[in-house]
Amino acid sequence: EERARIVSKLKTDARGLSARAISAMVCDLSGMVFQLRELYSQEVGEVLLEILTQAALTQGLPLTMSSVDTCSLIRRVLEGVLLICTAQHAPTKVASVIEKLLRSQRLPWSATTRLEAAMFR
């Protein structure tokens, strides 16, 4: 199916992004949380999971162009879309991404308790 091919391509492309590109993408996504929820599909969730996985695996994420900490924006996408939408159909994948983000210390300390509670519910 065409949709599956596009999702696969987006996920593959996300794996090749530089640290600066990942920061920019997370910044853009954090500004579209409400639109992402409105247009949400499982495919959107899969792509978001891949982008946040790459954010967890990438060393030295820079501040965004507007000097906002990328980690705060990651938390916004995670809480605003993945915990609300994606966790409904892929809870183990969401838990895996949260674990990677926590291990890589990509989330503000203020968010860790809330996210750990979500992981173990």
N, C-alpha and C. Protein backbone atom coordinates (compact mmCIF):
# COMPACT_ATOMS: atom_id res chain seq x y z
N GLU A 1 0.84 -1.18 0.00
CA GLU A 1 0.00 0.00 0.00
C GLU A 1 0.89 1.24 0.00
N GLU A 2 0.43 2.26 -0.65
CA GLU A 2 1.17 3.52 -0.79
C GLU A 2 1.44 4.17 0.56
N ARG A 3 0.46 4.14 1.44
CA ARG A 3 0.60 4.75 2.76
C ARG A 3 1.75 4.10 3.55
N ALA A 4 1.83 2.79 3.51
CA ALA A 4 2.89 2.06 4.21
C ALA A 4 4.25 2.39 3.64
N ARG A 5 4.34 2.56 2.34
CA ARG A 5 5.60 2.91 1.71
C ARG A 5 6.05 4.31 2.14
N ILE A 6 5.13 5.24 2.21
CA ILE A 6 5.45 6.61 2.63
C ILE A 6 5.92 6.63 4.08
N VAL A 7 5.22 5.90 4.94
CA VAL A 7 5.60 5.84 6.36
C VAL A 7 6.99 5.23 6.50
N SER A 8 7.24 4.17 5.77
CA SER A 8 8.55 3.53 5.82
C SER A 8 9.65 4.51 5.37
N LYS A 9 9.38 5.26 4.32
CA LYS A 9 10.35 6.24 3.81
C LYS A 9 10.59 7.33 4.85
N LEU A 10 9.54 7.84 5.48
CA LEU A 10 9.69 8.87 6.50
C LEU A 10 10.51 8.37 7.69
N LYS A 11 10.25 7.13 8.10
CA LYS A 11 11.00 6.57 9.22
C LYS A 11 12.47 6.38 8.85
N THR A 12 12.73 5.94 7.64
CA THR A 12 14.11 5.78 7.18
C THR A 12 14.80 7.13 7.10
N ASP A 13 14.11 8.13 6.59
CA ASP A 13 14.68 9.48 6.50
C ASP A 13 14.99 10.03 7.89
N ALA A 14 14.13 9.75 8.85
CA ALA A 14 14.36 10.24 10.22
C ALA A 14 15.64 9.68 10.80
N ARG A 15 16.00 8.46 10.43
CA ARG A 15 17.22 7.83 10.94
C ARG A 15 18.48 8.51 10.43
N GLY A 16 18.39 9.22 9.33
CA GLY A 16 19.56 9.87 8.76
C GLY A 16 19.69 11.35 9.08
N LEU A 17 18.84 11.88 9.94
CA LEU A 17 18.86 13.32 10.24
C LEU A 17 20.02 13.69 11.15
N SER A 18 20.54 14.88 10.95
CA SER A 18 21.58 15.41 11.83
C SER A 18 20.96 15.87 13.14
N ALA A 19 21.79 16.13 14.13
CA ALA A 19 21.30 16.61 15.43
C ALA A 19 20.54 17.92 15.26
N ARG A 20 21.05 18.82 14.44
CA ARG A 20 20.38 20.11 14.21
C ARG A 20 19.01 19.90 13.54
N ALA A 21 18.95 18.99 12.58
CA ALA A 21 17.68 18.72 11.88
C ALA A 21 16.66 18.09 12.83
N ILE A 22 17.11 17.21 13.71
CA ILE A 22 16.19 16.61 14.68
C ILE A 22 15.65 17.67 15.62
N SER A 23 16.52 18.56 16.09
CA SER A 23 16.06 19.66 16.96
C SER A 23 15.04 20.53 16.25
N ALA A 24 15.31 20.87 14.99
CA ALA A 24 14.38 21.70 14.22
C ALA A 24 13.05 20.98 14.02
N MET A 25 13.11 19.69 13.74
CA MET A 25 11.88 18.93 13.52
C MET A 25 11.05 18.84 14.80
N VAL A 26 11.71 18.57 15.91
CA VAL A 26 11.00 18.50 17.19
C VAL A 26 10.37 19.86 17.51
N CYS A 27 11.08 20.93 17.21
CA CYS A 27 10.55 22.28 17.43
C CYS A 27 9.28 22.49 16.60
N ASP A 28 9.34 22.13 15.34
CA ASP A 28 8.16 22.27 14.47
C ASP A 28 7.00 21.41 14.97
N LEU A 29 7.29 20.17 15.34
CA LEU A 29 6.24 19.26 15.80
C LEU A 29 5.60 19.76 17.10
N SER A 30 6.40 20.34 17.98
CA SER A 30 5.85 20.80 19.25
C SER A 30 4.88 21.96 19.05
N GLY A 31 5.04 22.69 17.97
CA GLY A 31 4.11 23.77 17.66
C GLY A 31 2.85 23.29 16.95
N MET A 32 2.81 22.01 16.60
CA MET A 32 1.66 21.46 15.87
C MET A 32 0.93 20.37 16.67
N VAL A 33 1.07 20.38 17.97
CA VAL A 33 0.50 19.30 18.79
C VAL A 33 -1.00 19.15 18.54
N PHE A 34 -1.73 20.25 18.53
CA PHE A 34 -3.18 20.16 18.37
C PHE A 34 -3.55 19.67 16.96
N GLN A 35 -2.82 20.12 15.95
CA GLN A 35 -3.07 19.65 14.59
C GLN A 35 -2.73 18.17 14.46
N LEU A 36 -1.64 17.75 15.10
CA LEU A 36 -1.27 16.34 15.05
C LEU A 36 -2.33 15.46 15.70
N ARG A 37 -2.90 15.94 16.79
CA ARG A 37 -3.99 15.17 17.43
C ARG A 37 -5.20 15.10 16.52
N GLU A 38 -5.53 16.20 15.88
CA GLU A 38 -6.70 16.23 15.01
C GLU A 38 -6.54 15.33 13.80
N LEU A 39 -5.36 15.29 13.22
CA LEU A 39 -5.10 14.51 12.02
C LEU A 39 -4.47 13.15 12.34
N TYR A 40 -4.51 12.75 13.59
CA TYR A 40 -3.78 11.58 14.04
C TYR A 40 -4.22 10.30 13.34
N SER A 41 -3.22 9.48 13.05
CA SER A 41 -3.43 8.11 12.55
C SER A 41 -2.30 7.27 13.13
N GLN A 42 -2.42 5.97 13.03
CA GLN A 42 -1.35 5.10 13.52
C GLN A 42 -0.04 5.40 12.81
N GLU A 43 -0.11 5.75 11.54
CA GLU A 43 1.08 6.06 10.77
C GLU A 43 1.78 7.29 11.32
N VAL A 44 1.01 8.31 11.68
CA VAL A 44 1.58 9.52 12.28
C VAL A 44 2.30 9.14 13.57
N GLY A 45 1.67 8.29 14.36
CA GLY A 45 2.28 7.83 15.60
C GLY A 45 3.59 7.11 15.37
N GLU A 46 3.64 6.26 14.34
CA GLU A 46 4.87 5.52 14.03
C GLU A 46 6.01 6.47 13.66
N VAL A 47 5.71 7.48 12.88
CA VAL A 47 6.74 8.43 12.47
C VAL A 47 7.21 9.24 13.68
N LEU A 48 6.29 9.68 14.53
CA LEU A 48 6.67 10.42 15.73
C LEU A 48 7.54 9.57 16.66
N LEU A 49 7.17 8.30 16.80
CA LEU A 49 8.00 7.41 17.62
C LEU A 49 9.42 7.31 17.09
N GLU A 50 9.56 7.23 15.78
CA GLU A 50 10.89 7.14 15.18
C GLU A 50 11.68 8.43 15.39
N ILE A 51 11.03 9.56 15.22
CA ILE A 51 11.72 10.84 15.40
C ILE A 51 12.20 10.98 16.85
N LEU A 52 11.35 10.64 17.82
CA LEU A 52 11.76 10.75 19.22
C LEU A 52 12.80 9.70 19.59
N THR A 53 12.75 8.54 18.94
CA THR A 53 13.80 7.55 19.16
C THR A 53 15.14 8.11 18.68
N GLN A 54 15.14 8.73 17.52
CA GLN A 54 16.38 9.33 17.01
C GLN A 54 16.85 10.47 17.91
N ALA A 55 15.93 11.22 18.47
CA ALA A 55 16.30 12.28 19.41
C ALA A 55 16.99 11.69 20.63
N ALA A 56 16.51 10.54 21.08
CA ALA A 56 17.12 9.88 22.24
C ALA A 56 18.50 9.34 21.91
N LEU A 57 18.70 8.89 20.70
CA LEU A 57 19.96 8.27 20.31
C LEU A 57 21.03 9.26 19.83
N THR A 58 20.63 10.47 19.50
CA THR A 58 21.54 11.46 18.94
C THR A 58 22.29 12.18 20.05
N GLN A 59 23.59 12.26 19.90
CA GLN A 59 24.42 12.96 20.88
C GLN A 59 24.36 14.47 20.63
N GLY A 60 24.27 15.23 21.69
CA GLY A 60 24.40 16.69 21.61
C GLY A 60 23.35 17.40 20.82
N LEU A 61 22.09 17.25 21.18
CA LEU A 61 21.04 18.01 20.49
C LEU A 61 21.21 19.49 20.81
N PRO A 62 21.33 20.33 19.78
CA PRO A 62 21.51 21.77 20.03
C PRO A 62 20.18 22.44 20.40
N LEU A 63 20.29 23.67 20.92
CA LEU A 63 19.09 24.47 21.12
C LEU A 63 18.46 24.73 19.75
N THR A 64 17.18 25.00 19.75
CA THR A 64 16.50 25.31 18.49
C THR A 64 16.91 26.71 18.03
N MET A 65 16.47 27.08 16.84
CA MET A 65 16.81 28.40 16.29
C MET A 65 16.31 29.52 17.19
N SER A 66 15.24 29.28 17.93
CA SER A 66 14.70 30.30 18.84
C SER A 66 15.27 30.14 20.25
N SER A 67 16.35 29.40 20.39
CA SER A 67 17.06 29.18 21.66
C SER A 67 16.22 28.47 22.72
N VAL A 68 15.31 27.64 22.29
CA VAL A 68 14.49 26.85 23.21
C VAL A 68 15.17 25.49 23.38
N ASP A 69 15.17 24.99 24.60
CA ASP A 69 15.76 23.70 24.90
C ASP A 69 14.97 22.59 24.20
N THR A 70 15.64 21.82 23.40
CA THR A 70 15.00 20.74 22.64
C THR A 70 14.32 19.73 23.57
N CYS A 71 14.89 19.49 24.74
CA CYS A 71 14.33 18.51 25.66
C CYS A 71 12.93 18.90 26.12
N SER A 72 12.69 20.18 26.33
CA SER A 72 11.35 20.64 26.71
C SER A 72 10.36 20.41 25.58
N LEU A 73 10.82 20.59 24.35
CA LEU A 73 9.96 20.38 23.19
C LEU A 73 9.67 18.90 22.97
N ILE A 74 10.66 18.07 23.24
CA ILE A 74 10.44 16.61 23.16
C ILE A 74 9.34 16.22 24.13
N ARG A 75 9.42 16.75 25.35
CA ARG A 75 8.39 16.45 26.35
C ARG A 75 7.01 16.88 25.87
N ARG A 76 6.92 18.04 25.22
CA ARG A 76 5.63 18.54 24.73
C ARG A 76 5.03 17.59 23.68
N VAL A 77 5.85 17.12 22.76
CA VAL A 77 5.37 16.17 21.74
C VAL A 77 4.97 14.85 22.40
N LEU A 78 5.79 14.39 23.31
CA LEU A 78 5.53 13.13 23.99
C LEU A 78 4.23 13.19 24.77
N GLU A 79 4.08 14.20 25.59
CA GLU A 79 2.87 14.32 26.41
C GLU A 79 1.66 14.73 25.58
N GLY A 80 1.88 15.58 24.57
CA GLY A 80 0.76 16.12 23.80
C GLY A 80 0.18 15.19 22.77
N VAL A 81 0.98 14.26 22.27
CA VAL A 81 0.49 13.37 21.21
C VAL A 81 0.67 11.90 21.58
N LEU A 82 1.89 11.50 21.90
CA LEU A 82 2.15 10.07 22.08
C LEU A 82 1.42 9.47 23.28
N LEU A 83 1.42 10.16 24.41
CA LEU A 83 0.74 9.59 25.58
C LEU A 83 -0.78 9.63 25.42
N ILE A 84 -1.29 10.55 24.63
CA ILE A 84 -2.74 10.65 24.44
C ILE A 84 -3.22 9.74 23.32
N CYS A 85 -2.52 9.74 22.20
CA CYS A 85 -2.99 9.01 21.02
C CYS A 85 -2.27 7.68 20.79
N THR A 86 -0.97 7.72 20.67
CA THR A 86 -0.21 6.54 20.28
C THR A 86 -0.26 5.45 21.34
N ALA A 87 -0.31 5.83 22.60
CA ALA A 87 -0.35 4.84 23.69
C ALA A 87 -1.59 3.96 23.60
N GLN A 88 -2.61 4.40 22.89
CA GLN A 88 -3.84 3.62 22.75
C GLN A 88 -3.64 2.38 21.88
N HIS A 89 -2.76 2.48 20.88
CA HIS A 89 -2.58 1.34 19.97
C HIS A 89 -1.17 0.75 20.01
N ALA A 90 -0.22 1.45 20.62
CA ALA A 90 1.16 0.94 20.66
C ALA A 90 1.81 1.26 22.01
N PRO A 91 1.21 0.78 23.11
CA PRO A 91 1.75 1.15 24.43
C PRO A 91 3.18 0.68 24.67
N THR A 92 3.55 -0.49 24.16
CA THR A 92 4.91 -0.96 24.40
C THR A 92 5.93 -0.15 23.61
N LYS A 93 5.56 0.31 22.42
CA LYS A 93 6.47 1.16 21.65
C LYS A 93 6.66 2.52 22.33
N VAL A 94 5.57 3.06 22.86
CA VAL A 94 5.66 4.34 23.57
C VAL A 94 6.53 4.17 24.82
N ALA A 95 6.32 3.09 25.56
CA ALA A 95 7.14 2.83 26.76
C ALA A 95 8.61 2.69 26.40
N SER A 96 8.89 2.05 25.26
CA SER A 96 10.27 1.89 24.82
C SER A 96 10.92 3.23 24.51
N VAL A 97 10.19 4.12 23.84
CA VAL A 97 10.72 5.44 23.52
C VAL A 97 10.93 6.25 24.80
N ILE A 98 9.97 6.18 25.71
CA ILE A 98 10.12 6.89 26.99
C ILE A 98 11.36 6.39 27.72
N GLU A 99 11.55 5.09 27.74
CA GLU A 99 12.73 4.53 28.40
C GLU A 99 14.02 5.06 27.76
N LYS A 100 14.07 5.10 26.43
CA LYS A 100 15.26 5.61 25.74
C LYS A 100 15.49 7.08 26.05
N LEU A 101 14.41 7.85 26.07
CA LEU A 101 14.53 9.28 26.38
C LEU A 101 15.00 9.49 27.82
N LEU A 102 14.49 8.69 28.74
CA LEU A 102 14.91 8.81 30.14
C LEU A 102 16.37 8.41 30.31
N ARG A 103 16.76 7.31 29.66
CA ARG A 103 18.15 6.85 29.77
C ARG A 103 19.14 7.84 29.17
N SER A 104 18.73 8.50 28.10
CA SER A 104 19.63 9.45 27.45
C SER A 104 19.53 10.84 28.08
N GLN A 105 18.69 10.97 29.09
CA GLN A 105 18.48 12.23 29.81
C GLN A 105 18.05 13.35 28.87
N ARG A 106 17.14 13.02 27.97
CA ARG A 106 16.61 13.98 27.02
C ARG A 106 15.35 14.69 27.52
N LEU A 107 14.91 14.34 28.71
CA LEU A 107 13.69 14.95 29.24
C LEU A 107 14.04 15.77 30.48
N PRO A 108 13.35 16.89 30.66
CA PRO A 108 13.59 17.68 31.87
C PRO A 108 13.26 16.84 33.11
N TRP A 109 14.01 17.04 34.17
CA TRP A 109 13.79 16.25 35.38
C TRP A 109 12.38 16.40 35.91
N SER A 110 11.76 17.55 35.69
CA SER A 110 10.40 17.77 36.18
C SER A 110 9.39 16.84 35.53
N ALA A 111 9.72 16.28 34.37
CA ALA A 111 8.79 15.42 33.64
C ALA A 111 8.97 13.95 33.96
N THR A 112 10.06 13.57 34.57
CA THR A 112 10.36 12.15 34.70
C THR A 112 9.36 11.39 35.55
N THR A 113 8.92 11.96 36.64
CA THR A 113 7.97 11.25 37.50
C THR A 113 6.66 10.98 36.76
N ARG A 114 6.16 11.98 36.07
CA ARG A 114 4.91 11.84 35.32
C ARG A 114 5.04 10.78 34.23
N LEU A 115 6.16 10.78 33.53
CA LEU A 115 6.35 9.83 32.44
C LEU A 115 6.59 8.41 32.96
N GLU A 116 7.34 8.29 34.03
CA GLU A 116 7.55 6.96 34.60
C GLU A 116 6.22 6.38 35.09
N ALA A 117 5.37 7.21 35.66
CA ALA A 117 4.05 6.75 36.08
C ALA A 117 3.23 6.28 34.88
N ALA A 118 3.32 7.00 33.78
CA ALA A 118 2.60 6.62 32.57
C ALA A 118 3.11 5.29 32.01
N MET A 119 4.43 5.08 32.12
CA MET A 119 5.02 3.83 31.62
C MET A 119 4.53 2.61 32.37
N PHE A 120 4.32 2.76 33.66
CA PHE A 120 4.02 1.59 34.48
C PHE A 120 2.55 1.46 34.85
N ARG A 121 1.68 2.19 34.13
CA ARG A 121 0.25 2.07 34.46
C ARG A 121 -0.35 0.85 33.84
